[in-house]
């Protein structure tokens, strides 16, 4: 299975999902918590680049450049 991105709401100590996930019972997953808006702006300055945070965000979110599109 390729990666899955889904929004959730944190409420009373649990993440509430809008729909069931296509997973088997007992299947292990890796969870990355990322607030809306992405992490590029907070990471700006860690990369050696002359591009603006907006340019880096656009590059990071471009589906043609995504890690899931790599062979």
C-alpha atoms as a PDB file:
ATOM      1  CA  UNK A   1       0.000   0.000   0.000  1.00  0.00           C
ATOM      2  CA  UNK A   2       1.270   3.462  -0.840  1.00  0.00           C
ATOM      3  CA  UNK A   3       1.187   6.282   1.708  1.00  0.00           C
ATOM      4  CA  UNK A   4      -2.136   7.660   2.829  1.00  0.00           C
ATOM      5  CA  UNK A   5      -2.816  11.245   3.835  1.00  0.00           C
ATOM      6  CA  UNK A   6      -5.937  11.999   5.868  1.00  0.00           C
ATOM      7  CA  UNK A   7      -6.962  14.877   8.090  1.00  0.00           C
ATOM      8  CA  UNK A   8      -7.993  14.158  11.666  1.00  0.00           C
ATOM      9  CA  UNK A   9      -9.235  16.100  14.677  1.00  0.00           C
ATOM     10  CA  UNK A  10      -7.519  15.725  18.052  1.00  0.00           C
ATOM     11  CA  UNK A  11     -10.223  15.527  20.716  1.00  0.00           C
ATOM     12  CA  UNK A  12     -10.103  14.307  24.307  1.00  0.00           C
ATOM     13  CA  UNK A  13      -6.752  12.579  23.863  1.00  0.00           C
ATOM     14  CA  UNK A  14      -7.606  10.728  20.634  1.00  0.00           C
ATOM     15  CA  UNK A  15      -7.408  11.389  16.913  1.00  0.00           C
ATOM     16  CA  UNK A  16     -10.859  11.345  15.300  1.00  0.00           C
ATOM     17  CA  UNK A  17     -10.845  10.276  11.644  1.00  0.00           C
ATOM     18  CA  UNK A  18     -13.555  11.260   9.160  1.00  0.00           C
ATOM     19  CA  UNK A  19     -13.830   7.721   7.743  1.00  0.00           C
ATOM     20  CA  UNK A  20     -12.459   4.204   8.306  1.00  0.00           C
ATOM     21  CA  UNK A  21      -8.957   3.503   7.043  1.00  0.00           C
ATOM     22  CA  UNK A  22      -8.166   0.762   4.490  1.00  0.00           C
ATOM     23  CA  UNK A  23      -6.101  -1.233   7.001  1.00  0.00           C
ATOM     24  CA  UNK A  24      -6.244  -4.753   8.391  1.00  0.00           C
ATOM     25  CA  UNK A  25      -6.669  -5.349  12.118  1.00  0.00           C
ATOM     26  CA  UNK A  26      -3.241  -5.500  13.746  1.00  0.00           C
ATOM     27  CA  UNK A  27      -1.499  -3.856  10.788  1.00  0.00           C
ATOM     28  CA  UNK A  28       1.448  -1.692  11.869  1.00  0.00           C
ATOM     29  CA  UNK A  29       1.592   1.874  10.544  1.00  0.00           C
ATOM     30  CA  UNK A  30       3.863   4.901  10.887  1.00  0.00           C
ATOM     31  CA  UNK A  31       2.103   8.106  11.930  1.00  0.00           C
ATOM     32  CA  UNK A  32       3.510  11.581  11.268  1.00  0.00           C
ATOM     33  CA  UNK A  33       1.716  14.443  13.022  1.00  0.00           C
ATOM     34  CA  UNK A  34       1.753  17.622  10.944  1.00  0.00           C
ATOM     35  CA  UNK A  35      -0.384  20.691  11.636  1.00  0.00           C
ATOM     36  CA  UNK A  36      -2.272  22.155   8.662  1.00  0.00           C
ATOM     37  CA  UNK A  37      -0.118  24.384   6.464  1.00  0.00           C
ATOM     38  CA  UNK A  38       2.816  21.994   6.270  1.00  0.00           C
ATOM     39  CA  UNK A  39       6.256  22.037   7.782  1.00  0.00           C
ATOM     40  CA  UNK A  40       8.228  23.787   5.058  1.00  0.00           C
ATOM     41  CA  UNK A  41       7.946  27.225   6.665  1.00  0.00           C
ATOM     42  CA  UNK A  42       9.165  25.960  10.050  1.00  0.00           C
ATOM     43  CA  UNK A  43      12.073  24.148   8.384  1.00  0.00           C
ATOM     44  CA  UNK A  44      13.102  27.146   6.309  1.00  0.00           C
ATOM     45  CA  UNK A  45      16.695  27.972   7.090  1.00  0.00           C
ATOM     46  CA  UNK A  46      17.659  24.357   7.733  1.00  0.00           C
ATOM     47  CA  UNK A  47      18.115  23.815   4.007  1.00  0.00           C
ATOM     48  CA  UNK A  48      20.877  25.512   2.099  1.00  0.00           C
ATOM     49  CA  UNK A  49      18.687  27.241  -0.467  1.00  0.00           C
ATOM     50  CA  UNK A  50      18.188  30.720  -1.801  1.00  0.00           C
ATOM     51  CA  UNK A  51      14.504  30.024  -2.483  1.00  0.00           C
ATOM     52  CA  UNK A  52      11.728  31.597  -0.431  1.00  0.00           C
ATOM     53  CA  UNK A  53       9.573  29.546   1.978  1.00  0.00           C
ATOM     54  CA  UNK A  54       6.690  29.847  -0.514  1.00  0.00           C
ATOM     55  CA  UNK A  55       8.828  28.427  -3.343  1.00  0.00           C
ATOM     56  CA  UNK A  56       9.989  25.539  -1.146  1.00  0.00           C
ATOM     57  CA  UNK A  57       6.397  24.823  -0.077  1.00  0.00           C
ATOM     58  CA  UNK A  58       5.297  24.709  -3.728  1.00  0.00           C
ATOM     59  CA  UNK A  59       8.152  22.349  -4.613  1.00  0.00           C
ATOM     60  CA  UNK A  60       7.462  20.120  -1.605  1.00  0.00           C
ATOM     61  CA  UNK A  61       3.769  19.811  -2.459  1.00  0.00           C
ATOM     62  CA  UNK A  62       4.190  19.313  -6.235  1.00  0.00           C
ATOM     63  CA  UNK A  63       2.790  15.816  -6.970  1.00  0.00           C
ATOM     64  CA  UNK A  64       5.214  15.366  -9.874  1.00  0.00           C
ATOM     65  CA  UNK A  65       8.141  15.725  -7.458  1.00  0.00           C
ATOM     66  CA  UNK A  66       6.641  13.686  -4.598  1.00  0.00           C
ATOM     67  CA  UNK A  67       8.419  10.737  -3.011  1.00  0.00           C
ATOM     68  CA  UNK A  68       5.436   8.498  -3.759  1.00  0.00           C
ATOM     69  CA  UNK A  69       5.932   9.135  -7.484  1.00  0.00           C
ATOM     70  CA  UNK A  70       9.539   7.913  -7.419  1.00  0.00           C
ATOM     71  CA  UNK A  71      10.197   4.484  -9.027  1.00  0.00           C
END
